[in-house]
Amino acid sequence: MSRYARGRSLEYEIAALFRSAGYSIIRGSSSKGDVAGFKADLIASKLGRDRRTVYIIVMQAKRRKE
């Protein structure tokens, strides 16, 4: 499996965890997402219970060689 495929599968695993917790996910393929000057692989967002709070998580996922 290529490094790209391993990294992509990690992003999909993380995205599935966030989706199961009720988050909406945007995936920036090949680390080309740009949020406020950051290169992001995944952006997760969720409304709080009061509808005034928004949780946003921006992350870059990396998988080490094994």
C-alpha atoms as a PDB file:
ATOM      1  CA  MET A   1       0.000   0.000   0.000  1.00  0.00           C
ATOM      2  CA  SER A   2       1.407   3.412  -0.941  1.00  0.00           C
ATOM      3  CA  ARG A   3       2.031   6.172   1.594  1.00  0.00           C
ATOM      4  CA  TYR A   4      -0.795   8.173   0.034  1.00  0.00           C
ATOM      5  CA  ALA A   5      -3.231   5.261   0.392  1.00  0.00           C
ATOM      6  CA  ARG A   6      -2.209   4.683   4.032  1.00  0.00           C
ATOM      7  CA  GLY A   7      -2.661   8.383   4.827  1.00  0.00           C
ATOM      8  CA  ARG A   8      -6.003   8.533   3.058  1.00  0.00           C
ATOM      9  CA  SER A   9      -7.269   5.477   4.932  1.00  0.00           C
ATOM     10  CA  LEU A  10      -6.236   7.093   8.239  1.00  0.00           C
ATOM     11  CA  GLU A  11      -8.181  10.228   7.307  1.00  0.00           C
ATOM     12  CA  TYR A  12     -11.231   8.106   6.463  1.00  0.00           C
ATOM     13  CA  GLU A  13     -10.958   6.270   9.809  1.00  0.00           C
ATOM     14  CA  ILE A  14     -10.768   9.548  11.740  1.00  0.00           C
ATOM     15  CA  ALA A  15     -13.612  11.068   9.704  1.00  0.00           C
ATOM     16  CA  ALA A  16     -15.808   8.025  10.470  1.00  0.00           C
ATOM     17  CA  LEU A  17     -15.163   8.465  14.208  1.00  0.00           C
ATOM     18  CA  PHE A  18     -16.199  12.112  14.061  1.00  0.00           C
ATOM     19  CA  ARG A  19     -19.264  11.352  11.903  1.00  0.00           C
ATOM     20  CA  SER A  20     -20.412   8.742  14.426  1.00  0.00           C
ATOM     21  CA  ALA A  21     -20.139  11.461  17.119  1.00  0.00           C
ATOM     22  CA  GLY A  22     -22.434  13.752  15.093  1.00  0.00           C
ATOM     23  CA  TYR A  23     -19.843  15.971  13.367  1.00  0.00           C
ATOM     24  CA  SER A  24     -19.968  17.105   9.738  1.00  0.00           C
ATOM     25  CA  ILE A  25     -16.677  16.435   7.934  1.00  0.00           C
ATOM     26  CA  ILE A  26     -14.875  18.104   5.048  1.00  0.00           C
ATOM     27  CA  ARG A  27     -11.763  16.366   3.723  1.00  0.00           C
ATOM     28  CA  GLY A  28      -9.112  18.386   1.886  1.00  0.00           C
ATOM     29  CA  SER A  29      -7.423  15.814  -0.333  1.00  0.00           C
ATOM     30  CA  SER A  30      -3.613  15.830  -0.533  1.00  0.00           C
ATOM     31  CA  SER A  31      -3.362  18.365   2.309  1.00  0.00           C
ATOM     32  CA  LYS A  32      -4.602  21.053  -0.067  1.00  0.00           C
ATOM     33  CA  GLY A  33      -7.344  22.330   2.201  1.00  0.00           C
ATOM     34  CA  ASP A  34      -6.648  25.892   3.373  1.00  0.00           C
ATOM     35  CA  VAL A  35      -8.371  27.201   6.497  1.00  0.00           C
ATOM     36  CA  ALA A  36      -7.095  30.518   7.867  1.00  0.00           C
ATOM     37  CA  GLY A  37      -3.662  29.837   6.414  1.00  0.00           C
ATOM     38  CA  PHE A  38      -3.411  26.231   7.676  1.00  0.00           C
ATOM     39  CA  LYS A  39      -3.133  23.208   5.426  1.00  0.00           C
ATOM     40  CA  ALA A  40      -5.825  20.891   6.759  1.00  0.00           C
ATOM     41  CA  ASP A  41      -6.640  17.282   5.927  1.00  0.00           C
ATOM     42  CA  LEU A  42      -9.906  17.237   7.873  1.00  0.00           C
ATOM     43  CA  ILE A  43     -12.291  19.874   9.164  1.00  0.00           C
ATOM     44  CA  ALA A  44     -14.984  18.700  11.592  1.00  0.00           C
ATOM     45  CA  SER A  45     -17.846  20.897  12.791  1.00  0.00           C
ATOM     46  CA  LYS A  46     -20.833  20.406  15.052  1.00  0.00           C
ATOM     47  CA  LEU A  47     -23.507  22.667  16.519  1.00  0.00           C
ATOM     48  CA  GLY A  48     -23.784  22.773  20.288  1.00  0.00           C
ATOM     49  CA  ARG A  49     -27.027  21.961  22.074  1.00  0.00           C
ATOM     50  CA  ASP A  50     -27.889  25.639  22.447  1.00  0.00           C
ATOM     51  CA  ARG A  51     -27.426  26.284  18.688  1.00  0.00           C
ATOM     52  CA  ARG A  52     -25.162  29.218  19.547  1.00  0.00           C
ATOM     53  CA  THR A  53     -22.032  27.171  20.027  1.00  0.00           C
ATOM     54  CA  VAL A  54     -20.188  25.716  17.051  1.00  0.00           C
ATOM     55  CA  TYR A  55     -17.355  23.261  17.577  1.00  0.00           C
ATOM     56  CA  ILE A  56     -14.740  23.281  14.820  1.00  0.00           C
ATOM     57  CA  ILE A  57     -11.767  20.938  14.701  1.00  0.00           C
ATOM     58  CA  VAL A  58      -9.072  21.382  12.057  1.00  0.00           C
ATOM     59  CA  MET A  59      -6.439  18.660  11.781  1.00  0.00           C
ATOM     60  CA  GLN A  60      -3.689  17.285   9.671  1.00  0.00           C
ATOM     61  CA  ALA A  61      -3.386  13.512   9.905  1.00  0.00           C
ATOM     62  CA  LYS A  62      -0.069  11.726   9.387  1.00  0.00           C
ATOM     63  CA  ARG A  63       0.712   8.039   9.517  1.00  0.00           C
ATOM     64  CA  ARG A  64       4.224   6.899  10.381  1.00  0.00           C
ATOM     65  CA  LYS A  65       6.083   4.140   8.568  1.00  0.00           C
ATOM     66  CA  GLU A  66       5.627   0.760  10.226  1.00  0.00           C
END
